[in-house]
PDB file of N, CA and C in Angstrom:
ATOM      1  N   MET A   1      95.837  81.595  87.937  1.00  0.00           N
ATOM      2  CA  MET A   1      96.662  81.226  89.057  1.00  0.00           C
ATOM      3  C   MET A   1      96.037  79.993  89.707  1.00  0.00           C
ATOM      4  N   GLU A   2      96.843  79.032  90.003  1.00  0.00           N
ATOM      5  CA  GLU A   2      96.354  77.794  90.601  1.00  0.00           C
ATOM      6  C   GLU A   2      96.509  77.843  92.115  1.00  0.00           C
ATOM      7  N   MET A   3      95.702  77.062  92.777  1.00  0.00           N
ATOM      8  CA  MET A   3      95.766  76.990  94.235  1.00  0.00           C
ATOM      9  C   MET A   3      96.955  76.123  94.640  1.00  0.00           C
ATOM     10  N   THR A   4      97.727  76.587  95.595  1.00  0.00           N
ATOM     11  CA  THR A   4      98.915  75.883  96.047  1.00  0.00           C
ATOM     12  C   THR A   4      98.967  75.910  97.563  1.00  0.00           C
ATOM     13  N   ASN A   5      99.471  74.848  98.130  1.00  0.00           N
ATOM     14  CA  ASN A   5      99.733  74.869  99.560  1.00  0.00           C
ATOM     15  C   ASN A   5     100.947  75.745  99.807  1.00  0.00           C
ATOM     16  N   ILE A   6     100.813  76.656 100.721  1.00  0.00           N
ATOM     17  CA  ILE A   6     101.924  77.549 101.021  1.00  0.00           C
ATOM     18  C   ILE A   6     102.783  76.874 102.090  1.00  0.00           C
ATOM     19  N   THR A   7     103.872  76.306 101.620  1.00  0.00           N
ATOM     20  CA  THR A   7     104.739  75.568 102.541  1.00  0.00           C
ATOM     21  C   THR A   7     106.064  76.258 102.774  1.00  0.00           C
ATOM     22  N   SER A   8     106.333  77.306 102.008  1.00  0.00           N
ATOM     23  CA  SER A   8     107.608  77.992 102.198  1.00  0.00           C
ATOM     24  C   SER A   8     107.447  79.483 101.922  1.00  0.00           C
ATOM     25  N   TYR A   9     108.424  80.192 102.364  1.00  0.00           N
ATOM     26  CA  TYR A   9     108.447  81.640 102.149  1.00  0.00           C
ATOM     27  C   TYR A   9     108.498  81.964 100.667  1.00  0.00           C
ATOM     28  N   GLU A  10     109.220  81.196  99.872  1.00  0.00           N
ATOM     29  CA  GLU A  10     109.364  81.456  98.440  1.00  0.00           C
ATOM     30  C   GLU A  10     108.020  81.332  97.718  1.00  0.00           C
ATOM     31  N   ILE A  11     107.221  80.357  98.106  1.00  0.00           N
ATOM     32  CA  ILE A  11     105.902  80.193  97.479  1.00  0.00           C
ATOM     33  C   ILE A  11     105.001  81.371  97.846  1.00  0.00           C
ATOM     34  N   LEU A  12     105.028  81.748  99.114  1.00  0.00           N
ATOM     35  CA  LEU A  12     104.247  82.909  99.547  1.00  0.00           C
ATOM     36  C   LEU A  12     104.681  84.169  98.803  1.00  0.00           C
ATOM     37  N   GLU A  13     105.964  84.367  98.661  1.00  0.00           N
ATOM     38  CA  GLU A  13     106.491  85.528  97.939  1.00  0.00           C
ATOM     39  C   GLU A  13     106.040  85.513  96.478  1.00  0.00           C
ATOM     40  N   SER A  14     106.079  84.369  95.846  1.00  0.00           N
ATOM     41  CA  SER A  14     105.664  84.233  94.451  1.00  0.00           C
ATOM     42  C   SER A  14     104.182  84.560  94.283  1.00  0.00           C
ATOM     43  N   ILE A  15     103.343  84.027  95.165  1.00  0.00           N
ATOM     44  CA  ILE A  15     101.903  84.297  95.090  1.00  0.00           C
ATOM     45  C   ILE A  15     101.627  85.771  95.330  1.00  0.00           C
ATOM     46  N   THR A  16     102.329  86.351  96.282  1.00  0.00           N
ATOM     47  CA  THR A  16     102.156  87.772  96.574  1.00  0.00           C
ATOM     48  C   THR A  16     102.547  88.636  95.383  1.00  0.00           C
ATOM     49  N   GLN A  17     103.634  88.304  94.724  1.00  0.00           N
ATOM     50  CA  GLN A  17     104.069  89.070  93.553  1.00  0.00           C
ATOM     51  C   GLN A  17     103.062  88.949  92.416  1.00  0.00           C
ATOM     52  N   GLU A  18     102.520  87.764  92.197  1.00  0.00           N
ATOM     53  CA  GLU A  18     101.492  87.585  91.169  1.00  0.00           C
ATOM     54  C   GLU A  18     100.260  88.425  91.487  1.00  0.00           C
ATOM     55  N   PHE A  19      99.863  88.436  92.751  1.00  0.00           N
ATOM     56  CA  PHE A  19      98.716  89.221  93.177  1.00  0.00           C
ATOM     57  C   PHE A  19      98.964  90.715  92.948  1.00  0.00           C
ATOM     58  N   ILE A  20     100.150  91.173  93.278  1.00  0.00           N
ATOM     59  CA  ILE A  20     100.504  92.584  93.076  1.00  0.00           C
ATOM     60  C   ILE A  20     100.412  92.947  91.602  1.00  0.00           C
ATOM     61  N   ILE A  21     100.903  92.089  90.734  1.00  0.00           N
ATOM     62  CA  ILE A  21     100.863  92.345  89.291  1.00  0.00           C
ATOM     63  C   ILE A  21      99.417  92.414  88.806  1.00  0.00           C
ATOM     64  N   ILE A  22      98.574  91.498  89.263  1.00  0.00           N
ATOM     65  CA  ILE A  22      97.164  91.496  88.856  1.00  0.00           C
ATOM     66  C   ILE A  22      96.475  92.779  89.307  1.00  0.00           C
ATOM     67  N   VAL A  23      96.663  93.164  90.555  1.00  0.00           N
ATOM     68  CA  VAL A  23      96.035  94.384  91.077  1.00  0.00           C
ATOM     69  C   VAL A  23      96.539  95.616  90.332  1.00  0.00           C
ATOM     70  N   GLU A  24      97.825  95.684  90.076  1.00  0.00           N
ATOM     71  CA  GLU A  24      98.395  96.823  89.356  1.00  0.00           C
ATOM     72  C   GLU A  24      97.827  96.925  87.940  1.00  0.00           C
ATOM     73  N   ASN A  25      97.695  95.796  87.245  1.00  0.00           N
ATOM     74  CA  ASN A  25      97.129  95.804  85.894  1.00  0.00           C
ATOM     75  C   ASN A  25      95.674  96.250  85.909  1.00  0.00           C
ATOM     76  N   LEU A  26      94.906  95.752  86.866  1.00  0.00           N
ATOM     77  CA  LEU A  26      93.508  96.168  86.971  1.00  0.00           C
ATOM     78  C   LEU A  26      93.394  97.650  87.301  1.00  0.00           C
ATOM     79  N   TRP A  27      94.248  98.110  88.194  1.00  0.00           N
ATOM     80  CA  TRP A  27      94.233  99.531  88.562  1.00  0.00           C
ATOM     81  C   TRP A  27      94.519 100.392  87.334  1.00  0.00           C
ATOM     82  N   ASN A  28      95.542 100.040  86.581  1.00  0.00           N
ATOM     83  CA  ASN A  28      95.904 100.820  85.394  1.00  0.00           C
ATOM     84  C   ASN A  28      94.825 100.767  84.329  1.00  0.00           C
ATOM     85  N   GLU A  29      94.113  99.660  84.245  1.00  0.00           N
ATOM     86  CA  GLU A  29      93.082  99.529  83.219  1.00  0.00           C
ATOM     87  C   GLU A  29      91.816 100.308  83.556  1.00  0.00           C
ATOM     88  N   PHE A  30      91.405 100.296  84.813  1.00  0.00           N
ATOM     89  CA  PHE A  30      90.105 100.844  85.166  1.00  0.00           C
ATOM     90  C   PHE A  30      90.139 102.159  85.943  1.00  0.00           C
ATOM     91  N   SER A  31      91.293 102.621  86.340  1.00  0.00           N
ATOM     92  CA  SER A  31      91.339 103.885  87.077  1.00  0.00           C
ATOM     93  C   SER A  31      91.384 105.053  86.109  1.00  0.00           C
ATOM     94  N   LYS A  32      90.994 106.192  86.601  1.00  0.00           N
ATOM     95  CA  LYS A  32      91.099 107.398  85.792  1.00  0.00           C
ATOM     96  C   LYS A  32      91.615 108.522  86.664  1.00  0.00           C
ATOM     97  N   LEU A  33      92.310 109.437  86.043  1.00  0.00           N
ATOM     98  CA  LEU A  33      92.871 110.568  86.750  1.00  0.00           C
ATOM     99  C   LEU A  33      91.764 111.583  87.001  1.00  0.00           C
ATOM    100  N   VAL A  34      91.566 111.941  88.252  1.00  0.00           N
ATOM    101  CA  VAL A  34      90.516 112.881  88.620  1.00  0.00           C
ATOM    102  C   VAL A  34      91.146 114.044  89.351  1.00  0.00           C
ATOM    103  N   ASN A  35      90.774 115.229  88.939  1.00  0.00           N
ATOM    104  CA  ASN A  35      91.254 116.434  89.590  1.00  0.00           C
ATOM    105  C   ASN A  35      90.097 117.003  90.400  1.00  0.00           C
ATOM    106  N   ILE A  36      90.170 116.882  91.705  1.00  0.00           N
ATOM    107  CA  ILE A  36      89.071 117.311  92.559  1.00  0.00           C
ATOM    108  C   ILE A  36      89.386 118.682  93.142  1.00  0.00           C
ATOM    109  N   THR A  37      88.500 119.608  92.868  1.00  0.00           N
ATOM    110  CA  THR A  37      88.587 120.940  93.455  1.00  0.00           C
ATOM    111  C   THR A  37      87.179 121.340  93.855  1.00  0.00           C
ATOM    112  N   LYS A  38      87.065 122.475  94.494  1.00  0.00           N
ATOM    113  CA  LYS A  38      85.719 122.938  94.809  1.00  0.00           C
ATOM    114  C   LYS A  38      84.976 123.344  93.537  1.00  0.00           C
ATOM    115  N   GLN A  39      85.708 123.457  92.430  1.00  0.00           N
ATOM    116  CA  GLN A  39      85.114 123.821  91.157  1.00  0.00           C
ATOM    117  C   GLN A  39      84.817 122.602  90.283  1.00  0.00           C
ATOM    118  N   SER A  40      84.940 121.410  90.811  1.00  0.00           N
ATOM    119  CA  SER A  40      84.801 120.194  90.004  1.00  0.00           C
ATOM    120  C   SER A  40      83.418 120.121  89.368  1.00  0.00           C
ATOM    121  N   LYS A  41      83.393 120.344  88.109  1.00  0.00           N
ATOM    122  CA  LYS A  41      82.182 120.285  87.311  1.00  0.00           C
ATOM    123  C   LYS A  41      82.524 119.555  86.020  1.00  0.00           C
ATOM    124  N   ALA A  42      81.510 119.179  85.268  1.00  0.00           N
ATOM    125  CA  ALA A  42      81.747 118.449  84.021  1.00  0.00           C
ATOM    126  C   ALA A  42      82.520 119.294  83.013  1.00  0.00           C
ATOM    127  N   TRP A  43      82.348 120.588  83.052  1.00  0.00           N
ATOM    128  CA  TRP A  43      83.009 121.462  82.086  1.00  0.00           C
ATOM    129  C   TRP A  43      84.433 121.808  82.503  1.00  0.00           C
ATOM    130  N   TRP A  44      84.836 121.519  83.741  1.00  0.00           N
ATOM    131  CA  TRP A  44      86.153 121.872  84.271  1.00  0.00           C
ATOM    132  C   TRP A  44      87.227 121.152  83.479  1.00  0.00           C
ATOM    133  N   ASN A  45      88.256 121.867  83.047  1.00  0.00           N
ATOM    134  CA  ASN A  45      89.335 121.229  82.285  1.00  0.00           C
ATOM    135  C   ASN A  45      90.699 121.657  82.828  1.00  0.00           C
ATOM    136  N   GLU A  46      91.743 121.182  82.187  1.00  0.00           N
ATOM    137  CA  GLU A  46      93.101 121.448  82.654  1.00  0.00           C
ATOM    138  C   GLU A  46      93.458 122.930  82.590  1.00  0.00           C
ATOM    139  N   LYS A  47      92.940 123.648  81.597  1.00  0.00           N
ATOM    140  CA  LYS A  47      93.211 125.092  81.511  1.00  0.00           C
ATOM    141  C   LYS A  47      92.609 125.829  82.704  1.00  0.00           C
ATOM    142  N   CYS A  48      91.403 125.424  83.104  1.00  0.00           N
ATOM    143  CA  CYS A  48      90.776 126.044  84.283  1.00  0.00           C
ATOM    144  C   CYS A  48      91.634 125.802  85.511  1.00  0.00           C
ATOM    145  N   ASN A  49      92.086 124.584  85.654  1.00  0.00           N
ATOM    146  CA  ASN A  49      92.912 124.223  86.790  1.00  0.00           C
ATOM    147  C   ASN A  49      94.223 125.021  86.797  1.00  0.00           C
ATOM    148  N   ARG A  50      94.871 125.090  85.643  1.00  0.00           N
ATOM    149  CA  ARG A  50      96.149 125.801  85.530  1.00  0.00           C
ATOM    150  C   ARG A  50      95.990 127.275  85.896  1.00  0.00           C
ATOM    151  N   ASP A  51      94.961 127.920  85.349  1.00  0.00           N
ATOM    152  CA  ASP A  51      94.782 129.352  85.618  1.00  0.00           C
ATOM    153  C   ASP A  51      94.357 129.617  87.061  1.00  0.00           C
ATOM    154  N   LEU A  52      93.609 128.702  87.658  1.00  0.00           N
ATOM    155  CA  LEU A  52      93.261 128.861  89.060  1.00  0.00           C
ATOM    156  C   LEU A  52      94.513 128.787  89.931  1.00  0.00           C
ATOM    157  N   ILE A  53      95.377 127.847  89.650  1.00  0.00           N
ATOM    158  CA  ILE A  53      96.627 127.728  90.406  1.00  0.00           C
ATOM    159  C   ILE A  53      97.493 128.972  90.212  1.00  0.00           C
ATOM    160  N   MET A  54      97.551 129.488  88.974  1.00  0.00           N
ATOM    161  CA  MET A  54      98.330 130.714  88.724  1.00  0.00           C
ATOM    162  C   MET A  54      97.786 131.865  89.564  1.00  0.00           C
ATOM    163  N   TYR A  55      96.453 131.963  89.659  1.00  0.00           N
ATOM    164  CA  TYR A  55      95.866 133.027  90.470  1.00  0.00           C
ATOM    165  C   TYR A  55      96.190 132.812  91.948  1.00  0.00           C
ATOM    166  N   TRP A  56      96.064 131.570  92.440  1.00  0.00           N
ATOM    167  CA  TRP A  56      96.353 131.295  93.848  1.00  0.00           C
ATOM    168  C   TRP A  56      97.775 131.687  94.210  1.00  0.00           C
ATOM    169  N   ILE A  57      98.708 131.429  93.304  1.00  0.00           N
ATOM    170  CA  ILE A  57     100.113 131.735  93.568  1.00  0.00           C
ATOM    171  C   ILE A  57     100.355 133.243  93.574  1.00  0.00           C
ATOM    172  N   SER A  58      99.819 133.931  92.564  1.00  0.00           N
ATOM    173  CA  SER A  58     100.141 135.353  92.399  1.00  0.00           C
ATOM    174  C   SER A  58      99.180 136.299  93.120  1.00  0.00           C
ATOM    175  N   ARG A  59      97.912 135.924  93.208  1.00  0.00           N
ATOM    176  CA  ARG A  59      96.855 136.781  93.764  1.00  0.00           C
ATOM    177  C   ARG A  59      96.739 138.113  93.024  1.00  0.00           C
ATOM    178  N   GLN A  60      97.092 138.098  91.752  1.00  0.00           N
ATOM    179  CA  GLN A  60      97.005 139.317  90.939  1.00  0.00           C
ATOM    180  C   GLN A  60      95.644 139.375  90.247  1.00  0.00           C
ATOM    181  N   ARG A  61      95.129 140.580  90.135  1.00  0.00           N
ATOM    182  CA  ARG A  61      93.831 140.763  89.492  1.00  0.00           C
ATOM    183  C   ARG A  61      93.848 140.305  88.041  1.00  0.00           C
ATOM    184  N   SER A  62      94.937 140.531  87.342  1.00  0.00           N
ATOM    185  CA  SER A  62      95.021 140.133  85.932  1.00  0.00           C
ATOM    186  C   SER A  62      94.885 138.610  85.782  1.00  0.00           C
ATOM    187  N   ASN A  63      95.455 137.854  86.718  1.00  0.00           N
ATOM    188  CA  ASN A  63      95.311 136.395  86.663  1.00  0.00           C
ATOM    189  C   ASN A  63      93.892 135.960  87.004  1.00  0.00           C
ATOM    190  N   TRP A  64      93.238 136.710  87.884  1.00  0.00           N
ATOM    191  CA  TRP A  64      91.849 136.411  88.203  1.00  0.00           C
ATOM    192  C   TRP A  64      90.956 136.628  86.981  1.00  0.00           C
ATOM    193  N   VAL A  65      91.181 137.717  86.272  1.00  0.00           N
ATOM    194  CA  VAL A  65      90.406 138.013  85.068  1.00  0.00           C
ATOM    195  C   VAL A  65      90.631 136.932  84.018  1.00  0.00           C
ATOM    196  N   LYS A  66      91.871 136.524  83.844  1.00  0.00           N
ATOM    197  CA  LYS A  66      92.197 135.470  82.879  1.00  0.00           C
ATOM    198  C   LYS A  66      91.507 134.160  83.268  1.00  0.00           C
ATOM    199  N   TYR A  67      91.533 133.834  84.551  1.00  0.00           N
ATOM    200  CA  TYR A  67      90.883 132.628  85.057  1.00  0.00           C
ATOM    201  C   TYR A  67      89.385 132.660  84.778  1.00  0.00           C
ATOM    202  N   ARG A  68      88.743 133.781  85.040  1.00  0.00           N
ATOM    203  CA  ARG A  68      87.299 133.905  84.793  1.00  0.00           C
ATOM    204  C   ARG A  68      86.965 133.765  83.309  1.00  0.00           C
ATOM    205  N   LYS A  69      87.818 134.312  82.435  1.00  0.00           N
ATOM    206  CA  LYS A  69      87.586 134.173  80.990  1.00  0.00           C
ATOM    207  C   LYS A  69      87.701 132.716  80.549  1.00  0.00           C
ATOM    208  N   ILE A  70      88.683 132.014  81.093  1.00  0.00           N
ATOM    209  CA  ILE A  70      88.872 130.603  80.748  1.00  0.00           C
ATOM    210  C   ILE A  70      87.663 129.785  81.201  1.00  0.00           C
ATOM    211  N   ILE A  71      87.146 130.080  82.393  1.00  0.00           N
ATOM    212  CA  ILE A  71      85.958 129.378  82.881  1.00  0.00           C
ATOM    213  C   ILE A  71      84.765 129.627  81.972  1.00  0.00           C
ATOM    214  N   LYS A  72      84.583 130.870  81.597  1.00  0.00           N
ATOM    215  CA  LYS A  72      83.467 131.228  80.732  1.00  0.00           C
ATOM    216  C   LYS A  72      83.556 130.491  79.393  1.00  0.00           C
ATOM    217  N   LEU A  73      84.755 130.440  78.829  1.00  0.00           N
ATOM    218  CA  LEU A  73      84.969 129.732  77.563  1.00  0.00           C
ATOM    219  C   LEU A  73      84.739 128.230  77.726  1.00  0.00           C
ATOM    220  N   ALA A  74      85.247 127.651  78.800  1.00  0.00           N
ATOM    221  CA  ALA A  74      85.088 126.214  79.034  1.00  0.00           C
ATOM    222  C   ALA A  74      83.609 125.851  79.163  1.00  0.00           C
ATOM    223  N   LYS A  75      82.849 126.669  79.888  1.00  0.00           N
ATOM    224  CA  LYS A  75      81.416 126.422  80.024  1.00  0.00           C
ATOM    225  C   LYS A  75      80.716 126.519  78.672  1.00  0.00           C
ATOM    226  N   ARG A  76      81.063 127.544  77.909  1.00  0.00           N
ATOM    227  CA  ARG A  76      80.424 127.749  76.611  1.00  0.00           C
ATOM    228  C   ARG A  76      80.677 126.552  75.690  1.00  0.00           C
ATOM    229  N   VAL A  77      81.927 126.117  75.625  1.00  0.00           N
ATOM    230  CA  VAL A  77      82.275 124.986  74.763  1.00  0.00           C
ATOM    231  C   VAL A  77      81.547 123.722  75.222  1.00  0.00           C
ATOM    232  N   PHE A  78      81.564 123.466  76.523  1.00  0.00           N
ATOM    233  CA  PHE A  78      80.925 122.267  77.054  1.00  0.00           C
ATOM    234  C   PHE A  78      79.424 122.262  76.778  1.00  0.00           C
ATOM    235  N   PHE A  79      78.740 123.364  77.107  1.00  0.00           N
ATOM    236  CA  PHE A  79      77.292 123.377  76.957  1.00  0.00           C
ATOM    237  C   PHE A  79      76.864 123.457  75.497  1.00  0.00           C
ATOM    238  N   ASN A  80      77.653 124.076  74.650  1.00  0.00           N
ATOM    239  CA  ASN A  80      77.339 124.047  73.217  1.00  0.00           C
ATOM    240  C   ASN A  80      77.421 122.628  72.676  1.00  0.00           C
ATOM    241  N   SER A  81      78.419 121.875  73.123  1.00  0.00           N
ATOM    242  CA  SER A  81      78.524 120.491  72.660  1.00  0.00           C
ATOM    243  C   SER A  81      77.357 119.657  73.188  1.00  0.00           C
ATOM    244  N   LYS A  82      76.917 119.912  74.420  1.00  0.00           N
ATOM    245  CA  LYS A  82      75.761 119.195  74.964  1.00  0.00           C
ATOM    246  C   LYS A  82      74.489 119.533  74.192  1.00  0.00           C
ATOM    247  N   ILE A  83      74.329 120.800  73.835  1.00  0.00           N
ATOM    248  CA  ILE A  83      73.163 121.219  73.051  1.00  0.00           C
ATOM    249  C   ILE A  83      73.169 120.530  71.695  1.00  0.00           C
ATOM    250  N   GLN A  84      74.330 120.485  71.049  1.00  0.00           N
ATOM    251  CA  GLN A  84      74.443 119.806  69.758  1.00  0.00           C
ATOM    252  C   GLN A  84      74.119 118.313  69.897  1.00  0.00           C
ATOM    253  N   GLU A  85      74.582 117.711  70.971  1.00  0.00           N
ATOM    254  CA  GLU A  85      74.322 116.297  71.217  1.00  0.00           C
ATOM    255  C   GLU A  85      72.822 116.039  71.371  1.00  0.00           C
ATOM    256  N   ILE A  86      72.142 116.891  72.116  1.00  0.00           N
ATOM    257  CA  ILE A  86      70.701 116.745  72.312  1.00  0.00           C
ATOM    258  C   ILE A  86      69.959 116.975  71.004  1.00  0.00           C
ATOM    259  N   MET A  87      70.381 117.979  70.250  1.00  0.00           N
ATOM    260  CA  MET A  87      69.727 118.258  68.975  1.00  0.00           C
ATOM    261  C   MET A  87      69.876 117.078  68.021  1.00  0.00           C
ATOM    262  N   SER A  88      71.060 116.505  67.946  1.00  0.00           N
ATOM    263  CA  SER A  88      71.271 115.388  67.022  1.00  0.00           C
ATOM    264  C   SER A  88      70.526 114.145  67.490  1.00  0.00           C
ATOM    265  N   SER A  89      70.395 113.925  68.794  1.00  0.00           N
ATOM    266  CA  SER A  89      69.660 112.755  69.265  1.00  0.00           C
ATOM    267  C   SER A  89      68.156 112.926  69.030  1.00  0.00           C
ATOM    268  N   ASN A  90      67.647 114.147  69.079  1.00  0.00           N
ATOM    269  CA  ASN A  90      66.235 114.394  68.807  1.00  0.00           C
ATOM    270  C   ASN A  90      65.897 114.208  67.334  1.00  0.00           C
ATOM    271  N   LYS A  91      66.843 114.437  66.445  1.00  0.00           N
ATOM    272  CA  LYS A  91      66.609 114.258  65.023  1.00  0.00           C
ATOM    273  C   LYS A  91      66.410 112.778  64.676  1.00  0.00           C
ATOM    274  N   LYS A  92      67.008 111.908  65.472  1.00  0.00           N
ATOM    275  CA  LYS A  92      66.910 110.485  65.217  1.00  0.00           C
ATOM    276  C   LYS A  92      65.533 109.934  65.575  1.00  0.00           C
ATOM    277  N   LEU A  93      64.820 110.646  66.442  1.00  0.00           N
ATOM    278  CA  LEU A  93      63.488 110.186  66.853  1.00  0.00           C
ATOM    279  C   LEU A  93      62.540 110.422  65.758  1.00  0.00           C
TER     280      LEU A  93
END
């Protein structure tokens, strides 16, 4: 974008639209979707979120049990992958 003297409303509007496009492109390129809850941890995934919401809506014990099982599985999968990652990086040394 080149520097221009702003002498009319049309020029200002054009520069503003260009700026909006640049900001929008940068936002889309570098932003990420974050789901913030009191449970926000590295192992937290969409299934955990879905089952927590189901429990909040229903307040049924069966949904609570399902939610706890999903959390346990998510933690197991996450930490097993971290253990494998550490083991493979130690082999390279």
